Protein backbone atom coordinates (compact mmCIF):
# COMPACT_ATOMS: atom_id res chain seq x y z
CA MET A 1 11.99 -26.13 19.17
CA SER A 2 12.34 -28.95 16.91
CA ARG A 3 15.78 -30.29 15.90
CA ILE A 4 15.63 -31.45 11.94
CA LEU A 5 18.28 -34.14 10.53
CA VAL A 6 19.47 -32.88 7.13
CA MET A 7 21.62 -35.82 5.05
CA ARG A 8 23.67 -35.29 2.59
CA PHE A 9 27.03 -37.43 2.57
CA SER A 10 28.79 -36.51 -0.95
CA ALA A 11 30.17 -35.20 -3.55
CA LEU A 12 31.05 -31.82 -2.65
CA GLY A 13 28.66 -29.74 -5.60
CA ASP A 14 25.88 -31.64 -4.26
CA VAL A 15 26.88 -30.71 -0.65
CA ALA A 16 27.20 -27.42 -1.74
CA LEU A 17 23.70 -27.46 -3.71
CA SER A 18 22.12 -28.09 -0.60
CA ILE A 19 22.88 -25.22 1.07
CA PRO A 20 20.91 -22.48 -1.12
CA ALA A 21 17.82 -24.57 -0.05
CA LEU A 22 18.42 -25.04 3.22
CA TYR A 23 19.86 -21.44 4.42
CA PRO A 24 16.81 -19.68 3.57
CA ILE A 25 14.67 -22.02 5.65
CA ALA A 26 16.88 -22.24 8.28
CA VAL A 27 16.61 -18.13 8.19
CA GLU A 28 13.29 -18.25 8.44
CA HIS A 29 12.75 -20.95 11.32
CA PRO A 30 14.83 -19.33 14.01
CA ASP A 31 14.09 -21.36 16.74
CA ASP A 32 14.91 -24.83 15.14
CA GLU A 33 17.71 -26.47 14.55
CA PHE A 34 19.16 -28.12 11.91
CA LEU A 35 22.29 -30.60 12.12
CA VAL A 36 23.96 -31.36 8.96
CA LEU A 37 24.93 -34.43 8.49
CA SER A 38 27.98 -34.66 5.63
CA LYS A 39 31.65 -36.26 5.34
CA ASN A 40 34.31 -34.36 7.52
CA VAL A 41 35.98 -33.07 4.25
CA PHE A 42 32.66 -31.19 3.51
CA ALA A 43 32.01 -29.51 6.90
CA PRO A 44 33.91 -26.35 6.32
CA LEU A 45 31.02 -25.94 3.48
CA PHE A 46 28.78 -24.61 6.23
CA GLU A 47 31.61 -22.38 8.85
CA VAL A 48 29.29 -19.64 7.30
CA SER A 49 25.97 -20.34 8.07
CA PRO A 50 22.89 -19.18 9.74
CA ALA A 51 23.37 -19.83 13.59
CA ASN A 52 20.66 -22.43 13.80
CA VAL A 53 22.63 -24.97 11.43
CA ARG A 54 25.49 -27.33 12.67
CA VAL A 55 27.89 -30.09 10.99
CA ILE A 56 27.92 -33.31 12.11
CA PRO A 57 30.69 -34.84 10.65
CA VAL A 58 31.08 -38.38 9.56
CA PHE A 59 34.27 -40.43 9.69
CA THR A 60 33.54 -42.95 6.83
CA ARG A 61 36.92 -44.14 7.00
CA GLN A 62 37.21 -44.15 10.47
CA GLN A 63 34.89 -44.86 13.10
CA HIS A 64 31.92 -44.82 10.65
CA LYS A 65 33.39 -46.88 8.31
CA GLY A 66 31.01 -50.78 7.66
CA ILE A 67 28.29 -51.38 9.37
CA ARG A 68 29.47 -51.24 12.76
CA GLY A 69 30.43 -47.73 12.04
CA LEU A 70 26.97 -46.82 10.66
CA TRP A 71 25.57 -48.79 13.61
CA ARG A 72 27.94 -46.27 15.97
CA LEU A 73 26.47 -43.15 14.13
CA VAL A 74 23.07 -44.45 14.47
CA ARG A 75 23.57 -44.27 18.53
CA GLU A 76 25.19 -40.94 18.24
CA LEU A 77 22.42 -39.42 16.22
CA THR A 78 19.59 -41.18 18.55
CA SER A 79 21.35 -39.18 21.33
CA LEU A 80 20.72 -35.57 19.63
CA ARG A 81 16.83 -36.29 20.05
CA ILE A 82 15.68 -35.71 16.45
CA ASP A 83 12.46 -34.77 15.45
CA CYS A 84 12.26 -34.80 11.54
CA VAL A 85 14.82 -36.50 9.08
CA ALA A 86 15.38 -34.66 5.98
CA ASP A 87 17.41 -37.24 3.18
CA LEU A 88 18.67 -35.20 0.44
CA HIS A 89 21.04 -38.04 -0.99
CA ARG A 90 19.03 -41.30 -0.60
CA SER A 91 22.22 -43.22 -0.36
CA LEU A 92 22.03 -46.95 1.19
CA ARG A 93 23.80 -44.76 4.24
CA SER A 94 21.29 -42.63 4.47
CA ARG A 95 18.22 -44.62 3.88
CA ALA A 96 19.19 -46.94 6.96
CA ILE A 97 19.13 -43.98 9.04
CA THR A 98 15.89 -42.79 7.58
CA LEU A 99 14.54 -46.00 8.44
CA TYR A 100 15.42 -46.15 11.47
CA PHE A 101 13.96 -43.05 12.28
CA ARG A 102 11.34 -43.99 10.90
CA LEU A 103 10.69 -47.10 13.20
CA LYS A 104 11.04 -44.87 16.31
CA GLY A 105 7.94 -42.49 14.96
CA VAL A 106 10.07 -39.58 13.35
CA LYS A 107 8.71 -37.67 11.00
CA THR A 108 10.94 -38.23 7.82
CA ALA A 109 11.09 -36.76 4.14
CA CYS A 110 13.56 -38.96 1.40
CA ILE A 111 14.75 -36.52 -2.12
CA ASP A 112 13.10 -37.94 -5.91
CA LYS A 113 15.83 -38.07 -7.69
CA GLY A 114 14.00 -38.39 -10.62
CA LYS A 115 15.92 -41.88 -12.11
CA SER A 116 13.72 -42.72 -15.13
CA GLU A 117 13.36 -38.96 -16.11
CA LYS A 118 17.17 -38.85 -16.19
CA GLN A 119 17.62 -42.18 -18.14
CA ALA A 120 15.43 -41.56 -20.93
CA LEU A 121 17.28 -37.93 -20.81
CA THR A 122 20.79 -40.34 -21.53
CA ARG A 123 19.47 -43.07 -23.52
CA GLU A 124 21.01 -43.84 -26.55
CA ARG A 125 18.09 -44.09 -28.99
CA HIS A 126 14.76 -41.52 -28.56
CA LYS A 127 16.29 -39.28 -26.08
CA ARG A 128 14.07 -37.34 -23.88
CA LEU A 129 15.66 -34.48 -24.27
CA VAL A 130 13.96 -32.10 -21.86
CA PRO A 131 14.75 -30.02 -18.57
CA LEU A 132 14.47 -31.89 -15.84
CA LYS A 133 13.85 -30.34 -12.41
CA PRO A 134 16.75 -29.04 -10.76
CA SER A 135 18.48 -30.43 -7.89
CA PHE A 136 18.34 -27.26 -5.46
CA GLU A 137 14.77 -27.83 -6.07
CA ARG A 138 14.32 -31.52 -5.13
CA TYR A 139 16.04 -30.58 -2.00
CA ARG A 140 13.91 -27.94 -1.29
CA ASP A 141 10.28 -30.48 -1.99
CA VAL A 142 11.94 -32.45 0.76
CA PHE A 143 11.65 -29.67 3.17
CA ASN A 144 8.49 -29.21 2.11
CA LYS A 145 7.05 -32.30 2.74
CA LEU A 146 8.46 -31.88 6.31
CA GLY A 147 6.53 -28.79 6.55
CA TYR A 148 9.87 -26.11 6.34
CA THR A 149 9.13 -23.55 3.46
CA SER A 150 10.80 -20.40 2.70
CA HIS A 151 9.61 -17.38 0.82
CA THR A 152 13.17 -16.14 0.35
CA ALA A 153 16.22 -16.37 -1.97
CA PHE A 154 19.63 -17.24 -1.28
CA GLY A 155 22.46 -14.97 -1.73
CA THR A 156 25.78 -15.71 -0.67
CA LEU A 157 27.82 -17.25 1.93
CA TYR A 158 29.02 -13.17 3.25
CA ASP A 159 25.18 -12.99 4.29
CA PHE A 160 25.93 -15.02 7.23
CA GLY A 161 29.71 -13.76 7.89
CA GLU A 162 32.38 -11.76 7.07
CA ARG A 163 34.20 -11.65 4.16
CA ASP A 164 37.80 -10.41 5.02
CA PHE A 165 39.71 -9.53 1.71
CA GLY A 166 42.81 -8.65 4.26
CA ARG A 167 43.68 -13.02 4.81
CA ILE A 168 44.49 -13.11 1.19
CA LEU A 169 45.80 -9.56 0.18
CA PRO A 170 48.97 -11.25 1.45
CA PHE A 171 49.20 -13.57 -1.87
CA THR A 172 47.05 -11.69 -4.20
CA GLY A 173 48.12 -7.92 -3.72
CA PRO A 174 45.68 -5.26 -4.64
CA LYS A 175 42.93 -6.55 -7.10
CA THR A 176 43.58 -4.30 -10.67
CA GLY A 177 42.03 -5.20 -14.01
CA ARG A 178 40.26 -8.41 -13.99
CA TRP A 179 40.74 -11.81 -12.24
CA ILE A 180 39.62 -14.37 -13.67
CA GLY A 181 39.54 -17.99 -12.21
CA ILE A 182 40.06 -21.08 -14.26
CA ALA A 183 39.14 -24.85 -12.56
CA PRO A 184 39.69 -27.08 -14.97
CA PHE A 185 39.53 -30.61 -13.68
CA ALA A 186 36.64 -32.83 -13.03
CA ARG A 187 36.39 -36.12 -11.66
CA HIS A 188 35.63 -38.04 -14.72
CA ALA A 189 37.01 -37.55 -18.18
CA GLY A 190 33.10 -37.15 -19.70
CA LYS A 191 33.39 -33.95 -17.66
CA THR A 192 36.82 -32.60 -18.51
CA TYR A 193 38.08 -30.27 -21.41
CA PRO A 194 41.61 -31.83 -22.80
CA PRO A 195 44.43 -30.08 -21.43
CA GLU A 196 45.80 -29.12 -24.28
CA LEU A 197 42.84 -27.03 -25.25
CA THR A 198 42.75 -25.72 -21.81
CA GLU A 199 46.26 -24.35 -22.24
CA ARG A 200 45.27 -22.75 -25.33
CA VAL A 201 42.09 -21.15 -23.58
CA ILE A 202 44.84 -19.73 -20.94
CA ALA A 203 47.16 -18.21 -23.56
CA LEU A 204 44.62 -15.95 -25.03
CA LEU A 205 43.77 -14.91 -21.54
CA SER A 206 46.51 -14.50 -20.49
CA ALA A 207 47.48 -12.25 -23.58
CA GLN A 208 45.54 -9.79 -22.38
CA PRO A 209 47.10 -7.29 -20.28
CA ASP A 210 44.14 -6.68 -17.97
CA ILE A 211 43.27 -10.00 -16.51
CA THR A 212 45.19 -11.72 -13.58
CA ILE A 213 44.14 -15.85 -14.12
CA PHE A 214 43.84 -17.63 -10.63
CA LEU A 215 44.11 -21.90 -11.43
CA PHE A 216 41.93 -23.82 -9.38
CA GLY A 217 42.69 -27.52 -8.59
CA GLY A 218 42.73 -29.80 -5.47
CA ALA A 219 46.17 -31.27 -3.98
CA ASP A 220 46.55 -34.24 -6.15
CA GLU A 221 46.34 -31.55 -9.24
CA THR A 222 48.86 -29.47 -8.47
CA ASP A 223 51.23 -30.74 -11.39
CA LEU A 224 49.19 -28.63 -14.50
CA PRO A 225 48.99 -25.17 -12.83
CA GLN A 226 52.14 -24.96 -11.94
CA GLN A 227 53.68 -25.56 -15.19
CA TRP A 228 50.84 -23.29 -16.78
CA GLN A 229 51.48 -20.35 -14.18
CA GLN A 230 55.65 -20.51 -15.32
CA GLN A 231 54.25 -20.23 -18.99
CA PHE A 232 52.23 -17.64 -18.68
CA PRO A 233 52.40 -14.61 -17.78
CA GLN A 234 49.63 -13.07 -15.27
CA VAL A 235 49.15 -16.60 -14.22
CA ILE A 236 49.00 -18.00 -10.71
CA SER A 237 48.07 -21.29 -9.34
CA VAL A 238 46.40 -22.19 -6.34
CA ALA A 239 45.55 -25.85 -6.88
CA GLY A 240 46.02 -27.26 -3.27
CA ARG A 241 47.19 -24.32 -1.72
CA PHE A 242 44.38 -23.54 0.47
CA PRO A 243 41.70 -24.27 3.02
CA LEU A 244 38.63 -24.49 1.24
CA GLN A 245 37.35 -21.47 3.30
CA THR A 246 40.33 -19.65 1.85
CA GLU A 247 39.92 -20.61 -1.45
CA LEU A 248 35.64 -19.66 -1.57
CA LEU A 249 37.30 -16.44 -0.37
CA LEU A 250 39.00 -15.62 -3.25
CA MET A 251 36.81 -16.96 -5.28
CA SER A 252 34.12 -14.11 -3.98
CA TYR A 253 36.34 -11.91 -5.36
CA LEU A 254 37.01 -13.17 -9.32
CA ASP A 255 34.94 -11.70 -11.89
CA VAL A 256 33.97 -14.97 -13.57
CA LEU A 257 35.02 -18.65 -13.17
CA LEU A 258 35.72 -20.87 -16.12
CA THR A 259 35.03 -24.14 -14.80
CA MET A 260 33.56 -27.94 -15.57
CA ASP A 261 30.51 -29.77 -14.52
CA SER A 262 32.31 -29.41 -11.33
CA GLY A 263 32.21 -28.85 -7.84
CA ASN A 264 34.02 -25.51 -8.48
CA MET A 265 30.36 -24.29 -10.05
CA HIS A 266 28.71 -25.03 -7.32
CA LEU A 267 31.33 -23.03 -5.03
CA ALA A 268 30.99 -20.13 -7.45
CA SER A 269 27.09 -19.82 -6.32
CA LEU A 270 28.05 -20.25 -2.92
CA VAL A 271 29.84 -16.33 -3.12
CA GLY A 272 27.81 -15.07 -5.91
CA ILE A 273 30.01 -14.83 -8.93
CA ARG A 274 29.12 -15.52 -12.50
CA ALA A 275 29.78 -19.36 -13.73
CA VAL A 276 30.76 -20.01 -17.85
CA SER A 277 30.94 -24.23 -17.67
CA VAL A 278 31.68 -26.19 -19.91
CA TRP A 279 29.70 -29.31 -20.34
CA GLY A 280 30.35 -32.92 -22.44
CA ALA A 281 28.66 -36.21 -21.25
CA THR A 282 26.61 -34.01 -18.75
CA HIS A 283 24.06 -31.98 -19.37
CA PRO A 284 22.61 -28.90 -18.13
CA PHE A 285 19.30 -30.28 -18.43
CA ALA A 286 19.56 -33.32 -15.90
CA GLY A 287 19.17 -30.69 -13.25
CA PHE A 288 22.78 -30.35 -12.08
CA CYS A 289 23.54 -26.97 -12.88
CA GLY A 290 25.06 -24.58 -10.73
CA TYR A 291 22.49 -22.47 -8.45
CA GLY A 292 21.65 -18.75 -9.93
CA GLN A 293 24.35 -19.64 -12.92
CA GLN A 294 22.45 -18.60 -16.41
CA PRO A 295 21.92 -21.07 -19.28
CA GLU A 296 23.60 -18.69 -21.91
CA ASP A 297 26.99 -19.22 -19.73
CA CYS A 298 26.74 -22.93 -20.36
CA ILE A 299 29.27 -23.92 -23.18
CA GLN A 300 27.91 -27.35 -25.22
CA LEU A 301 28.13 -28.87 -28.76
CA ASP A 302 24.39 -29.98 -29.70
CA LEU A 303 25.28 -33.46 -30.30
CA PRO A 304 22.81 -36.33 -30.78
CA CYS A 305 24.52 -38.50 -28.49
CA ARG A 306 24.20 -35.91 -25.59
CA PRO A 307 24.43 -36.62 -22.92
CA CYS A 308 25.10 -39.72 -22.89
CA SER A 309 25.86 -39.95 -18.90
CA VAL A 310 24.12 -38.21 -15.82
CA PHE A 311 27.54 -37.55 -13.76
CA GLY A 312 30.02 -38.51 -17.09
CA LYS A 313 31.47 -41.33 -15.51
CA LYS A 314 30.31 -43.96 -18.75
CA PRO A 315 32.59 -43.98 -21.59
CA CYS A 316 32.18 -42.50 -25.01
CA ARG A 317 30.05 -43.97 -27.45
CA LEU A 318 32.05 -42.68 -30.34
CA LYS A 319 34.61 -45.19 -32.08
CA SER A 320 37.43 -43.04 -31.59
CA GLY A 321 36.42 -43.07 -27.62
CA LYS A 322 37.33 -39.50 -27.23
CA TYR A 323 34.53 -37.19 -26.36
CA GLY A 324 34.10 -35.21 -29.55
CA CYS A 325 31.43 -33.78 -27.23
CA LEU A 326 34.49 -31.74 -25.37
CA ARG A 327 37.32 -31.72 -27.81
CA GLY A 328 34.64 -30.02 -30.47
CA ILE A 329 34.41 -27.17 -29.00
CA GLU A 330 37.03 -24.12 -29.67
CA PRO A 331 38.96 -22.43 -27.10
CA GLU A 332 38.45 -19.03 -28.50
CA ARG A 333 34.72 -19.87 -28.21
CA ILE A 334 35.63 -20.04 -24.45
CA ALA A 335 38.11 -17.57 -24.40
CA LEU A 336 35.78 -14.87 -25.68
CA GLU A 337 33.18 -16.01 -23.28
CA VAL A 338 34.67 -15.40 -20.51
CA SER A 339 36.62 -12.35 -21.17
CA GLY A 340 33.64 -10.61 -22.82
């Protein structure tokens, strides 16, 4: 048996996107053990997994913080007798760990992020607007370098564990009509559809009698969902109410999820549902579209300034600074795409 260390520390969407690459490989190599090194907050993503996948949580704000914490982590990993290292992140922390094991004679492989290609995709002039290799394939390439391949495709998390509707039934009641999820938040303004326009989308959808809307968000994103729940019929806020595994379970029963270019898009892929995604400063061509999601479900405007950012954190280049790439998308278009 070999023991493979798999590193991807953040962010939620990137960690989630590693699962469709990892799980089929783990299934086809049942005699090997795959140790996933990730931040402790993302450990619940791997609760439903093949039997030979195990999470090693990293506490970057506690015992694994800073240089001393990194050295403590390395010593903990050394005791596990690692045979191979798959660096899916290529951060300072993961590169230091990879180098340590390489110097110990351990076989290692590191992701090629395609930085120069992404710079060409987002530069202001002479853009090279072509589809780049999806992140999922970049992750899979790392495993291939280590000699680990798979011939099966990822289905859903619930291929590896129970999907029990009874856990959410007391909250949701029996499913009737269509269930639509809306995840209106993203980390950066360049990836977030304006709240006043999102409100119009909710108004259009909630006016349809056969639709129930579930609003998703983090513990610090509860105000707007609660406001919309009170304002519109058939709208239920689940923002900040459930642990991640319960949220994934609820999501798996949705007919469709409306999401930004955010981690929720990738959570939808893990539970095998359709995601309609809204793109502004970023672009699906950068390789971060959800695994198995369809290009026609990516709502975006064809503007010469797009994409201006790989991750959406750069300020808008327009004089107004108001991200016309997002404000120019009509709520009616989104509502029609989601409910059609």
